[in-house]
Amino acid sequence: MYGIQREIVNLTQGAMFVAIYYNKLKSLWDELSSLISLPPPDSVVAKAYLDHLNQQKLLQCLMGLNDTYSMVRSQILLMSPLPSVKQAYSVVNQDESQRILIGTNVGLDVTTTLYA
């Protein structure tokens, strides 16, 4: 579990497209989830735990994004209630798509990204 947590904490977008970064992060979360035993699904404790876990995933995802996404990251963090990590990913992915269309996705090396 320590190794997986460490990978999650150290994972950053770097030269990856948002989709590739998110899929790597999601894979690590899934691997970690397989090692954790959850409380009974119908319990109040389970709901509170899952809410906390989902909030942690959202923050982990946003922290690993490149600084070019600081504006969209701030917008997501100002939402009340906070969106799910899937909803936030969708917003960031859409922002990236717009940047690519208008050619302003500075710092993203497409050749490196395609083979990451």
PDB file of N, CA and C in Angstrom:
ATOM      1  N   MET A   1       0.826  -1.195   0.000  1.00  0.00           N
ATOM      2  CA  MET A   1       0.000   0.000   0.000  1.00  0.00           C
ATOM      3  C   MET A   1       0.867   1.254   0.000  1.00  0.00           C
ATOM      4  N   TYR A   2       1.977   1.194   0.719  1.00  0.00           N
ATOM      5  CA  TYR A   2       2.874   2.337   0.791  1.00  0.00           C
ATOM      6  C   TYR A   2       3.375   2.724  -0.600  1.00  0.00           C
ATOM      7  N   GLY A   3       3.796   1.739  -1.357  1.00  0.00           N
ATOM      8  CA  GLY A   3       4.320   1.996  -2.693  1.00  0.00           C
ATOM      9  C   GLY A   3       3.286   2.627  -3.616  1.00  0.00           C
ATOM     10  N   ILE A   4       2.065   2.145  -3.549  1.00  0.00           N
ATOM     11  CA  ILE A   4       0.987   2.685  -4.389  1.00  0.00           C
ATOM     12  C   ILE A   4       0.678   4.123  -3.977  1.00  0.00           C
ATOM     13  N   GLN A   5       0.575   4.344  -2.662  1.00  0.00           N
ATOM     14  CA  GLN A   5       0.310   5.704  -2.171  1.00  0.00           C
ATOM     15  C   GLN A   5       1.419   6.654  -2.626  1.00  0.00           C
ATOM     16  N   ARG A   6       2.638   6.181  -2.564  1.00  0.00           N
ATOM     17  CA  ARG A   6       3.783   7.002  -2.973  1.00  0.00           C
ATOM     18  C   ARG A   6       3.699   7.351  -4.461  1.00  0.00           C
ATOM     19  N   GLU A   7       3.320   6.377  -5.277  1.00  0.00           N
ATOM     20  CA  GLU A   7       3.164   6.639  -6.713  1.00  0.00           C
ATOM     21  C   GLU A   7       2.071   7.666  -6.964  1.00  0.00           C
ATOM     22  N   ILE A   8       0.967   7.556  -6.231  1.00  0.00           N
ATOM     23  CA  ILE A   8      -0.142   8.498  -6.381  1.00  0.00           C
ATOM     24  C   ILE A   8       0.324   9.911  -6.036  1.00  0.00           C
ATOM     25  N   VAL A   9       1.003  10.051  -4.914  1.00  0.00           N
ATOM     26  CA  VAL A   9       1.469  11.359  -4.457  1.00  0.00           C
ATOM     27  C   VAL A   9       2.463  11.967  -5.429  1.00  0.00           C
ATOM     28  N   ASN A  10       3.312  11.149  -6.029  1.00  0.00           N
ATOM     29  CA  ASN A  10       4.362  11.646  -6.912  1.00  0.00           C
ATOM     30  C   ASN A  10       3.937  11.788  -8.378  1.00  0.00           C
ATOM     31  N   LEU A  11       2.765  11.274  -8.731  1.00  0.00           N
ATOM     32  CA  LEU A  11       2.329  11.335 -10.122  1.00  0.00           C
ATOM     33  C   LEU A  11       1.923  12.755 -10.502  1.00  0.00           C
ATOM     34  N   THR A  12       2.501  13.256 -11.574  1.00  0.00           N
ATOM     35  CA  THR A  12       2.122  14.555 -12.124  1.00  0.00           C
ATOM     36  C   THR A  12       1.865  14.396 -13.612  1.00  0.00           C
ATOM     37  N   GLN A  13       1.136  15.342 -14.157  1.00  0.00           N
ATOM     38  CA  GLN A  13       0.773  15.281 -15.569  1.00  0.00           C
ATOM     39  C   GLN A  13       1.999  15.357 -16.463  1.00  0.00           C
ATOM     40  N   GLY A  14       2.877  16.275 -16.182  1.00  0.00           N
ATOM     41  CA  GLY A  14       4.066  16.428 -17.016  1.00  0.00           C
ATOM     42  C   GLY A  14       3.712  16.623 -18.475  1.00  0.00           C
ATOM     43  N   ALA A  15       4.279  15.805 -19.371  1.00  0.00           N
ATOM     44  CA  ALA A  15       4.055  15.926 -20.814  1.00  0.00           C
ATOM     45  C   ALA A  15       2.875  15.081 -21.299  1.00  0.00           C
ATOM     46  N   MET A  16       2.132  14.485 -20.370  1.00  0.00           N
ATOM     47  CA  MET A  16       1.008  13.624 -20.756  1.00  0.00           C
ATOM     48  C   MET A  16      -0.244  14.443 -21.050  1.00  0.00           C
ATOM     49  N   PHE A  17      -1.075  13.933 -21.950  1.00  0.00           N
ATOM     50  CA  PHE A  17      -2.417  14.477 -22.092  1.00  0.00           C
ATOM     51  C   PHE A  17      -3.157  14.211 -20.790  1.00  0.00           C
ATOM     52  N   VAL A  18      -4.182  14.990 -20.519  1.00  0.00           N
ATOM     53  CA  VAL A  18      -4.977  14.847 -19.300  1.00  0.00           C
ATOM     54  C   VAL A  18      -5.573  13.438 -19.218  1.00  0.00           C
ATOM     55  N   ALA A  19      -6.042  12.902 -20.327  1.00  0.00           N
ATOM     56  CA  ALA A  19      -6.665  11.572 -20.327  1.00  0.00           C
ATOM     57  C   ALA A  19      -5.671  10.493 -19.894  1.00  0.00           C
ATOM     58  N   ILE A  20      -4.452  10.584 -20.367  1.00  0.00           N
ATOM     59  CA  ILE A  20      -3.438   9.590 -20.009  1.00  0.00           C
ATOM     60  C   ILE A  20      -3.083   9.720 -18.531  1.00  0.00           C
ATOM     61  N   TYR A  21      -2.903  10.959 -18.076  1.00  0.00           N
ATOM     62  CA  TYR A  21      -2.614  11.220 -16.656  1.00  0.00           C
ATOM     63  C   TYR A  21      -3.734  10.670 -15.775  1.00  0.00           C
ATOM     64  N   TYR A  22      -4.980  10.965 -16.131  1.00  0.00           N
ATOM     65  CA  TYR A  22      -6.127  10.512 -15.343  1.00  0.00           C
ATOM     66  C   TYR A  22      -6.215   8.984 -15.326  1.00  0.00           C
ATOM     67  N   ASN A  23      -5.994   8.352 -16.467  1.00  0.00           N
ATOM     68  CA  ASN A  23      -6.060   6.885 -16.521  1.00  0.00           C
ATOM     69  C   ASN A  23      -4.978   6.229 -15.668  1.00  0.00           C
ATOM     70  N   LYS A  24      -3.783   6.805 -15.644  1.00  0.00           N
ATOM     71  CA  LYS A  24      -2.721   6.272 -14.781  1.00  0.00           C
ATOM     72  C   LYS A  24      -3.107   6.432 -13.314  1.00  0.00           C
ATOM     73  N   LEU A  25      -3.647   7.599 -12.972  1.00  0.00           N
ATOM     74  CA  LEU A  25      -4.071   7.856 -11.601  1.00  0.00           C
ATOM     75  C   LEU A  25      -5.212   6.923 -11.207  1.00  0.00           C
ATOM     76  N   LYS A  26      -6.174   6.758 -12.094  1.00  0.00           N
ATOM     77  CA  LYS A  26      -7.313   5.876 -11.821  1.00  0.00           C
ATOM     78  C   LYS A  26      -6.852   4.434 -11.630  1.00  0.00           C
ATOM     79  N   SER A  27      -5.894   4.009 -12.417  1.00  0.00           N
ATOM     80  CA  SER A  27      -5.349   2.669 -12.277  1.00  0.00           C
ATOM     81  C   SER A  27      -4.720   2.470 -10.893  1.00  0.00           C
ATOM     82  N   LEU A  28      -3.995   3.467 -10.432  1.00  0.00           N
ATOM     83  CA  LEU A  28      -3.395   3.389  -9.092  1.00  0.00           C
ATOM     84  C   LEU A  28      -4.472   3.373  -8.012  1.00  0.00           C
ATOM     85  N   TRP A  29      -5.512   4.194  -8.177  1.00  0.00           N
ATOM     86  CA  TRP A  29      -6.613   4.194  -7.207  1.00  0.00           C
ATOM     87  C   TRP A  29      -7.298   2.833  -7.161  1.00  0.00           C
ATOM     88  N   ASP A  30      -7.519   2.238  -8.320  1.00  0.00           N
ATOM     89  CA  ASP A  30      -8.155   0.916  -8.381  1.00  0.00           C
ATOM     90  C   ASP A  30      -7.288  -0.143  -7.707  1.00  0.00           C
ATOM     91  N   GLU A  31      -5.993  -0.059  -7.949  1.00  0.00           N
ATOM     92  CA  GLU A  31      -5.071  -1.002  -7.323  1.00  0.00           C
ATOM     93  C   GLU A  31      -5.093  -0.845  -5.798  1.00  0.00           C
ATOM     94  N   LEU A  32      -5.103   0.385  -5.332  1.00  0.00           N
ATOM     95  CA  LEU A  32      -5.153   0.654  -3.897  1.00  0.00           C
ATOM     96  C   LEU A  32      -6.479   0.172  -3.301  1.00  0.00           C
ATOM     97  N   SER A  33      -7.567   0.417  -4.002  1.00  0.00           N
ATOM     98  CA  SER A  33      -8.893  -0.003  -3.521  1.00  0.00           C
ATOM     99  C   SER A  33      -8.981  -1.512  -3.339  1.00  0.00           C
ATOM    100  N   SER A  34      -8.275  -2.257  -4.185  1.00  0.00           N
ATOM    101  CA  SER A  34      -8.317  -3.712  -4.080  1.00  0.00           C
ATOM    102  C   SER A  34      -7.626  -4.203  -2.798  1.00  0.00           C
ATOM    103  N   LEU A  35      -6.821  -3.349  -2.195  1.00  0.00           N
ATOM    104  CA  LEU A  35      -6.100  -3.735  -0.976  1.00  0.00           C
ATOM    105  C   LEU A  35      -6.783  -3.258   0.305  1.00  0.00           C
ATOM    106  N   ILE A  36      -7.812  -2.441   0.167  1.00  0.00           N
ATOM    107  CA  ILE A  36      -8.490  -1.859   1.336  1.00  0.00           C
ATOM    108  C   ILE A  36      -9.838  -2.538   1.529  1.00  0.00           C
ATOM    109  N   SER A  37     -10.133  -2.904   2.769  1.00  0.00           N
ATOM    110  CA  SER A  37     -11.456  -3.459   3.052  1.00  0.00           C
ATOM    111  C   SER A  37     -12.362  -2.323   3.539  1.00  0.00           C
ATOM    112  N   LEU A  38     -13.527  -2.258   2.910  1.00  0.00           N
ATOM    113  CA  LEU A  38     -14.485  -1.201   3.228  1.00  0.00           C
ATOM    114  C   LEU A  38     -15.490  -1.666   4.270  1.00  0.00           C
ATOM    115  N   PRO A  39     -16.069  -0.703   5.008  1.00  0.00           N
ATOM    116  CA  PRO A  39     -17.148  -1.064   5.924  1.00  0.00           C
ATOM    117  C   PRO A  39     -18.371  -1.535   5.119  1.00  0.00           C
ATOM    118  N   PRO A  40     -19.339  -2.168   5.772  1.00  0.00           N
ATOM    119  CA  PRO A  40     -20.550  -2.625   5.062  1.00  0.00           C
ATOM    120  C   PRO A  40     -21.163  -1.479   4.246  1.00  0.00           C
ATOM    121  N   PRO A  41     -21.539  -1.751   2.991  1.00  0.00           N
ATOM    122  CA  PRO A  41     -21.961  -0.693   2.071  1.00  0.00           C
ATOM    123  C   PRO A  41     -23.175   0.117   2.524  1.00  0.00           C
ATOM    124  N   ASP A  42     -24.036  -0.444   3.337  1.00  0.00           N
ATOM    125  CA  ASP A  42     -25.237   0.271   3.752  1.00  0.00           C
ATOM    126  C   ASP A  42     -25.031   1.116   5.004  1.00  0.00           C
ATOM    127  N   SER A  43     -23.852   1.102   5.565  1.00  0.00           N
ATOM    128  CA  SER A  43     -23.631   1.814   6.821  1.00  0.00           C
ATOM    129  C   SER A  43     -23.335   3.296   6.601  1.00  0.00           C
ATOM    130  N   VAL A  44     -23.604   4.077   7.618  1.00  0.00           N
ATOM    131  CA  VAL A  44     -23.314   5.511   7.599  1.00  0.00           C
ATOM    132  C   VAL A  44     -21.801   5.723   7.502  1.00  0.00           C
ATOM    133  N   VAL A  45     -21.059   4.851   8.153  1.00  0.00           N
ATOM    134  CA  VAL A  45     -19.602   4.931   8.136  1.00  0.00           C
ATOM    135  C   VAL A  45     -19.083   4.766   6.707  1.00  0.00           C
ATOM    136  N   ALA A  46     -19.660   3.847   5.956  1.00  0.00           N
ATOM    137  CA  ALA A  46     -19.227   3.606   4.582  1.00  0.00           C
ATOM    138  C   ALA A  46     -19.457   4.838   3.718  1.00  0.00           C
ATOM    139  N   LYS A  47     -20.616   5.469   3.871  1.00  0.00           N
ATOM    140  CA  LYS A  47     -20.915   6.666   3.078  1.00  0.00           C
ATOM    141  C   LYS A  47     -19.936   7.785   3.414  1.00  0.00           C
ATOM    142  N   ALA A  48     -19.681   7.999   4.682  1.00  0.00           N
ATOM    143  CA  ALA A  48     -18.742   9.046   5.095  1.00  0.00           C
ATOM    144  C   ALA A  48     -17.339   8.747   4.576  1.00  0.00           C
ATOM    145  N   TYR A  49     -16.942   7.486   4.667  1.00  0.00           N
ATOM    146  CA  TYR A  49     -15.615   7.091   4.190  1.00  0.00           C
ATOM    147  C   TYR A  49     -15.493   7.299   2.685  1.00  0.00           C
ATOM    148  N   LEU A  50     -16.494   6.869   1.933  1.00  0.00           N
ATOM    149  CA  LEU A  50     -16.453   7.008   0.473  1.00  0.00           C
ATOM    150  C   LEU A  50     -16.473   8.474   0.049  1.00  0.00           C
ATOM    151  N   ASP A  51     -17.246   9.304   0.762  1.00  0.00           N
ATOM    152  CA  ASP A  51     -17.254  10.740   0.472  1.00  0.00           C
ATOM    153  C   ASP A  51     -15.861  11.330   0.684  1.00  0.00           C
ATOM    154  N   HIS A  52     -15.233  10.955   1.786  1.00  0.00           N
ATOM    155  CA  HIS A  52     -13.882  11.434   2.084  1.00  0.00           C
ATOM    156  C   HIS A  52     -12.886  10.926   1.035  1.00  0.00           C
ATOM    157  N   LEU A  53     -12.988   9.665   0.684  1.00  0.00           N
ATOM    158  CA  LEU A  53     -12.099   9.072  -0.308  1.00  0.00           C
ATOM    159  C   LEU A  53     -12.233   9.766  -1.661  1.00  0.00           C
ATOM    160  N   ASN A  54     -13.460  10.036  -2.069  1.00  0.00           N
ATOM    161  CA  ASN A  54     -13.693  10.708  -3.345  1.00  0.00           C
ATOM    162  C   ASN A  54     -13.149  12.132  -3.338  1.00  0.00           C
ATOM    163  N   GLN A  55     -13.268  12.806  -2.203  1.00  0.00           N
ATOM    164  CA  GLN A  55     -12.706  14.153  -2.091  1.00  0.00           C
ATOM    165  C   GLN A  55     -11.179  14.102  -2.175  1.00  0.00           C
ATOM    166  N   GLN A  56     -10.579  13.100  -1.549  1.00  0.00           N
ATOM    167  CA  GLN A  56      -9.125  12.940  -1.620  1.00  0.00           C
ATOM    168  C   GLN A  56      -8.671  12.676  -3.050  1.00  0.00           C
ATOM    169  N   LYS A  57      -9.410  11.848  -3.768  1.00  0.00           N
ATOM    170  CA  LYS A  57      -9.076  11.557  -5.164  1.00  0.00           C
ATOM    171  C   LYS A  57      -9.149  12.830  -6.009  1.00  0.00           C
ATOM    172  N   LEU A  58     -10.174  13.628  -5.787  1.00  0.00           N
ATOM    173  CA  LEU A  58     -10.314  14.878  -6.510  1.00  0.00           C
ATOM    174  C   LEU A  58      -9.107  15.779  -6.266  1.00  0.00           C
ATOM    175  N   LEU A  59      -8.733  15.932  -5.010  1.00  0.00           N
ATOM    176  CA  LEU A  59      -7.595  16.788  -4.677  1.00  0.00           C
ATOM    177  C   LEU A  59      -6.295  16.243  -5.249  1.00  0.00           C
ATOM    178  N   GLN A  60      -6.101  14.933  -5.184  1.00  0.00           N
ATOM    179  CA  GLN A  60      -4.895  14.315  -5.752  1.00  0.00           C
ATOM    180  C   GLN A  60      -4.814  14.577  -7.251  1.00  0.00           C
ATOM    181  N   CYS A  61      -5.929  14.427  -7.924  1.00  0.00           N
ATOM    182  CA  CYS A  61      -5.977  14.639  -9.367  1.00  0.00           C
ATOM    183  C   CYS A  61      -5.643  16.092  -9.704  1.00  0.00           C
ATOM    184  N   LEU A  62      -6.249  17.017  -9.005  1.00  0.00           N
ATOM    185  CA  LEU A  62      -6.018  18.434  -9.285  1.00  0.00           C
ATOM    186  C   LEU A  62      -4.596  18.865  -8.950  1.00  0.00           C
ATOM    187  N   MET A  63      -4.029  18.305  -7.891  1.00  0.00           N
ATOM    188  CA  MET A  63      -2.665  18.679  -7.499  1.00  0.00           C
ATOM    189  C   MET A  63      -1.632  18.245  -8.532  1.00  0.00           C
ATOM    190  N   GLY A  64      -1.892  17.162  -9.236  1.00  0.00           N
ATOM    191  CA  GLY A  64      -0.924  16.650 -10.199  1.00  0.00           C
ATOM    192  C   GLY A  64      -0.977  17.306 -11.569  1.00  0.00           C
ATOM    193  N   LEU A  65      -1.993  18.144 -11.779  1.00  0.00           N
ATOM    194  CA  LEU A  65      -2.112  18.807 -13.076  1.00  0.00           C
ATOM    195  C   LEU A  65      -1.028  19.859 -13.260  1.00  0.00           C
ATOM    196  N   ASN A  66      -0.688  20.119 -14.498  1.00  0.00           N
ATOM    197  CA  ASN A  66       0.270  21.173 -14.817  1.00  0.00           C
ATOM    198  C   ASN A  66      -0.285  22.535 -14.402  1.00  0.00           C
ATOM    199  N   ASP A  67       0.603  23.491 -14.206  1.00  0.00           N
ATOM    200  CA  ASP A  67       0.203  24.834 -13.799  1.00  0.00           C
ATOM    201  C   ASP A  67      -0.649  25.546 -14.842  1.00  0.00           C
ATOM    202  N   THR A  68      -0.611  25.083 -16.086  1.00  0.00           N
ATOM    203  CA  THR A  68      -1.443  25.704 -17.122  1.00  0.00           C
ATOM    204  C   THR A  68      -2.931  25.530 -16.818  1.00  0.00           C
ATOM    205  N   TYR A  69      -3.248  24.620 -15.909  1.00  0.00           N
ATOM    206  CA  TYR A  69      -4.643  24.377 -15.534  1.00  0.00           C
ATOM    207  C   TYR A  69      -5.011  25.046 -14.211  1.00  0.00           C
ATOM    208  N   SER A  70      -4.223  26.012 -13.773  1.00  0.00           N
ATOM    209  CA  SER A  70      -4.488  26.646 -12.475  1.00  0.00           C
ATOM    210  C   SER A  70      -5.841  27.344 -12.439  1.00  0.00           C
ATOM    211  N   MET A  71      -6.253  27.952 -13.544  1.00  0.00           N
ATOM    212  CA  MET A  71      -7.534  28.664 -13.568  1.00  0.00           C
ATOM    213  C   MET A  71      -8.701  27.673 -13.470  1.00  0.00           C
ATOM    214  N   VAL A  72      -8.661  26.620 -14.256  1.00  0.00           N
ATOM    215  CA  VAL A  72      -9.747  25.644 -14.222  1.00  0.00           C
ATOM    216  C   VAL A  72      -9.738  24.891 -12.881  1.00  0.00           C
ATOM    217  N   ARG A  73      -8.545  24.666 -12.332  1.00  0.00           N
ATOM    218  CA  ARG A  73      -8.433  24.019 -11.021  1.00  0.00           C
ATOM    219  C   ARG A  73      -9.105  24.890  -9.960  1.00  0.00           C
ATOM    220  N   SER A  74      -8.852  26.187  -9.999  1.00  0.00           N
ATOM    221  CA  SER A  74      -9.473  27.113  -9.042  1.00  0.00           C
ATOM    222  C   SER A  74     -10.988  27.119  -9.188  1.00  0.00           C
ATOM    223  N   GLN A  75     -11.469  27.105 -10.430  1.00  0.00           N
ATOM    224  CA  GLN A  75     -12.913  27.084 -10.666  1.00  0.00           C
ATOM    225  C   GLN A  75     -13.547  25.828 -10.085  1.00  0.00           C
ATOM    226  N   ILE A  76     -12.884  24.705 -10.237  1.00  0.00           N
ATOM    227  CA  ILE A  76     -13.402  23.440  -9.709  1.00  0.00           C
ATOM    228  C   ILE A  76     -13.439  23.482  -8.184  1.00  0.00           C
ATOM    229  N   LEU A  77     -12.373  23.999  -7.580  1.00  0.00           N
ATOM    230  CA  LEU A  77     -12.308  24.046  -6.115  1.00  0.00           C
ATOM    231  C   LEU A  77     -13.311  25.025  -5.511  1.00  0.00           C
ATOM    232  N   LEU A  78     -13.798  25.972  -6.300  1.00  0.00           N
ATOM    233  CA  LEU A  78     -14.797  26.925  -5.817  1.00  0.00           C
ATOM    234  C   LEU A  78     -16.227  26.394  -5.932  1.00  0.00           C
ATOM    235  N   MET A  79     -16.391  25.273  -6.625  1.00  0.00           N
ATOM    236  CA  MET A  79     -17.737  24.706  -6.776  1.00  0.00           C
ATOM    237  C   MET A  79     -18.254  24.204  -5.430  1.00  0.00           C
ATOM    238  N   SER A  80     -19.536  24.408  -5.221  1.00  0.00           N
ATOM    239  CA  SER A  80     -20.145  23.927  -3.984  1.00  0.00           C
ATOM    240  C   SER A  80     -21.447  23.229  -4.335  1.00  0.00           C
ATOM    241  N   PRO A  81     -21.544  21.954  -4.051  1.00  0.00           N
ATOM    242  CA  PRO A  81     -20.537  21.074  -3.470  1.00  0.00           C
ATOM    243  C   PRO A  81     -19.449  20.768  -4.495  1.00  0.00           C
ATOM    244  N   LEU A  82     -18.342  20.235  -4.001  1.00  0.00           N
ATOM    245  CA  LEU A  82     -17.261  19.853  -4.895  1.00  0.00           C
ATOM    246  C   LEU A  82     -17.758  18.774  -5.855  1.00  0.00           C
ATOM    247  N   PRO A  83     -17.315  18.833  -7.105  1.00  0.00           N
ATOM    248  CA  PRO A  83     -17.736  17.803  -8.065  1.00  0.00           C
ATOM    249  C   PRO A  83     -17.034  16.479  -7.783  1.00  0.00           C
ATOM    250  N   SER A  84     -17.525  15.441  -8.415  1.00  0.00           N
ATOM    251  CA  SER A  84     -16.824  14.157  -8.349  1.00  0.00           C
ATOM    252  C   SER A  84     -15.545  14.279  -9.156  1.00  0.00           C
ATOM    253  N   VAL A  85     -14.639  13.354  -8.961  1.00  0.00           N
ATOM    254  CA  VAL A  85     -13.393  13.380  -9.720  1.00  0.00           C
ATOM    255  C   VAL A  85     -13.677  13.181 -11.213  1.00  0.00           C
ATOM    256  N   LYS A  86     -14.692  12.409 -11.543  1.00  0.00           N
ATOM    257  CA  LYS A  86     -15.055  12.206 -12.953  1.00  0.00           C
ATOM    258  C   LYS A  86     -15.557  13.503 -13.576  1.00  0.00           C
ATOM    259  N   GLN A  87     -16.377  14.240 -12.823  1.00  0.00           N
ATOM    260  CA  GLN A  87     -16.885  15.513 -13.328  1.00  0.00           C
ATOM    261  C   GLN A  87     -15.744  16.516 -13.507  1.00  0.00           C
ATOM    262  N   ALA A  88     -14.835  16.565 -12.537  1.00  0.00           N
ATOM    263  CA  ALA A  88     -13.693  17.475 -12.630  1.00  0.00           C
ATOM    264  C   ALA A  88     -12.813  17.093 -13.814  1.00  0.00           C
ATOM    265  N   TYR A  89     -12.578  15.801 -13.987  1.00  0.00           N
ATOM    266  CA  TYR A  89     -11.783  15.329 -15.131  1.00  0.00           C
ATOM    267  C   TYR A  89     -12.420  15.791 -16.438  1.00  0.00           C
ATOM    268  N   SER A  90     -13.721  15.687 -16.526  1.00  0.00           N
ATOM    269  CA  SER A  90     -14.428  16.091 -17.732  1.00  0.00           C
ATOM    270  C   SER A  90     -14.207  17.576 -18.024  1.00  0.00           C
ATOM    271  N   VAL A  91     -14.265  18.401 -16.989  1.00  0.00           N
ATOM    272  CA  VAL A  91     -14.052  19.841 -17.149  1.00  0.00           C
ATOM    273  C   VAL A  91     -12.623  20.121 -17.610  1.00  0.00           C
ATOM    274  N   VAL A  92     -11.654  19.477 -16.978  1.00  0.00           N
ATOM    275  CA  VAL A  92     -10.248  19.687 -17.332  1.00  0.00           C
ATOM    276  C   VAL A  92      -9.963  19.162 -18.735  1.00  0.00           C
ATOM    277  N   ASN A  93     -10.513  18.018 -19.063  1.00  0.00           N
ATOM    278  CA  ASN A  93     -10.319  17.434 -20.393  1.00  0.00           C
ATOM    279  C   ASN A  93     -10.897  18.342 -21.475  1.00  0.00           C
ATOM    280  N   GLN A  94     -12.054  18.916 -21.201  1.00  0.00           N
ATOM    281  CA  GLN A  94     -12.672  19.845 -22.145  1.00  0.00           C
ATOM    282  C   GLN A  94     -11.792  21.090 -22.304  1.00  0.00           C
ATOM    283  N   ASP A  95     -11.233  21.578 -21.211  1.00  0.00           N
ATOM    284  CA  ASP A  95     -10.335  22.733 -21.260  1.00  0.00           C
ATOM    285  C   ASP A  95      -9.108  22.407 -22.120  1.00  0.00           C
ATOM    286  N   GLU A  96      -8.551  21.207 -21.915  1.00  0.00           N
ATOM    287  CA  GLU A  96      -7.401  20.789 -22.705  1.00  0.00           C
ATOM    288  C   GLU A  96      -7.756  20.712 -24.192  1.00  0.00           C
ATOM    289  N   SER A  97      -8.911  20.170 -24.514  1.00  0.00           N
ATOM    290  CA  SER A  97      -9.343  20.057 -25.910  1.00  0.00           C
ATOM    291  C   SER A  97      -9.441  21.437 -26.560  1.00  0.00           C
ATOM    292  N   GLN A  98      -9.975  22.393 -25.824  1.00  0.00           N
ATOM    293  CA  GLN A  98     -10.071  23.753 -26.348  1.00  0.00           C
ATOM    294  C   GLN A  98      -8.688  24.356 -26.563  1.00  0.00           C
ATOM    295  N   ARG A  99      -7.774  24.099 -25.624  1.00  0.00           N
ATOM    296  CA  ARG A  99      -6.409  24.612 -25.762  1.00  0.00           C
ATOM    297  C   ARG A  99      -5.732  24.024 -27.004  1.00  0.00           C
ATOM    298  N   ILE A 100      -5.938  22.743 -27.234  1.00  0.00           N
ATOM    299  CA  ILE A 100      -5.337  22.086 -28.395  1.00  0.00           C
ATOM    300  C   ILE A 100      -5.922  22.652 -29.691  1.00  0.00           C
ATOM    301  N   LEU A 101      -7.236  22.859 -29.706  1.00  0.00           N
ATOM    302  CA  LEU A 101      -7.885  23.396 -30.904  1.00  0.00           C
ATOM    303  C   LEU A 101      -7.369  24.777 -31.273  1.00  0.00           C
ATOM    304  N   ILE A 102      -7.107  25.603 -30.265  1.00  0.00           N
ATOM    305  CA  ILE A 102      -6.638  26.953 -30.578  1.00  0.00           C
ATOM    306  C   ILE A 102      -5.116  27.063 -30.508  1.00  0.00           C
ATOM    307  N   GLY A 103      -4.461  25.948 -30.219  1.00  0.00           N
ATOM    308  CA  GLY A 103      -3.006  25.909 -30.262  1.00  0.00           C
ATOM    309  C   GLY A 103      -2.309  26.596 -29.109  1.00  0.00           C
ATOM    310  N   THR A 104      -2.935  26.611 -27.929  1.00  0.00           N
ATOM    311  CA  THR A 104      -2.304  27.282 -26.781  1.00  0.00           C
ATOM    312  C   THR A 104      -1.914  26.321 -25.682  1.00  0.00           C
ATOM    313  N   ASN A 105      -1.826  25.038 -25.965  1.00  0.00           N
ATOM    314  CA  ASN A 105      -1.475  24.070 -24.924  1.00  0.00           C
ATOM    315  C   ASN A 105       0.045  24.038 -24.764  1.00  0.00           C
ATOM    316  N   VAL A 106       0.579  25.092 -24.190  1.00  0.00           N
ATOM    317  CA  VAL A 106       2.012  25.250 -24.015  1.00  0.00           C
ATOM    318  C   VAL A 106       2.555  24.176 -23.067  1.00  0.00           C
ATOM    319  N   GLY A 107       3.672  23.598 -23.435  1.00  0.00           N
ATOM    320  CA  GLY A 107       4.316  22.616 -22.563  1.00  0.00           C
ATOM    321  C   GLY A 107       3.877  21.187 -22.796  1.00  0.00           C
ATOM    322  N   LEU A 108       3.021  20.953 -23.746  1.00  0.00           N
ATOM    323  CA  LEU A 108       2.564  19.590 -24.023  1.00  0.00           C
ATOM    324  C   LEU A 108       3.234  19.117 -25.309  1.00  0.00           C
ATOM    325  N   ASP A 109       4.072  18.129 -25.167  1.00  0.00           N
ATOM    326  CA  ASP A 109       4.794  17.581 -26.311  1.00  0.00           C
ATOM    327  C   ASP A 109       4.006  16.400 -26.846  1.00  0.00           C
ATOM    328  N   VAL A 110       3.346  16.584 -27.979  1.00  0.00           N
ATOM    329  CA  VAL A 110       2.450  15.570 -28.526  1.00  0.00           C
ATOM    330  C   VAL A 110       3.198  14.289 -28.849  1.00  0.00           C
ATOM    331  N   THR A 111       4.399  14.338 -29.357  1.00  0.00           N
ATOM    332  CA  THR A 111       5.122  13.109 -29.713  1.00  0.00           C
ATOM    333  C   THR A 111       5.469  12.313 -28.459  1.00  0.00           C
ATOM    334  N   THR A 112       5.857  12.984 -27.386  1.00  0.00           N
ATOM    335  CA  THR A 112       6.149  12.308 -26.128  1.00  0.00           C
ATOM    336  C   THR A 112       4.872  11.731 -25.536  1.00  0.00           C
ATOM    337  N   THR A 113       3.786  12.496 -25.607  1.00  0.00           N
ATOM    338  CA  THR A 113       2.532  12.109 -25.007  1.00  0.00           C
ATOM    339  C   THR A 113       1.930  10.874 -25.668  1.00  0.00           C
ATOM    340  N   LEU A 114       2.032  10.797 -26.974  1.00  0.00           N
ATOM    341  CA  LEU A 114       1.421   9.669 -27.684  1.00  0.00           C
ATOM    342  C   LEU A 114       2.071   8.340 -27.322  1.00  0.00           C
ATOM    343  N   TYR A 115       3.300   8.370 -26.895  1.00  0.00           N
ATOM    344  CA  TYR A 115       4.005   7.133 -26.587  1.00  0.00           C
ATOM    345  C   TYR A 115       4.285   6.970 -25.111  1.00  0.00           C
ATOM    346  N   ALA A 116       3.604   7.766 -24.261  1.00  0.00           N
ATOM    347  CA  ALA A 116       3.826   7.679 -22.804  1.00  0.00           C
ATOM    348  C   ALA A 116       3.204   6.445 -22.228  1.00  0.00           C
TER     349      ALA A 116
END
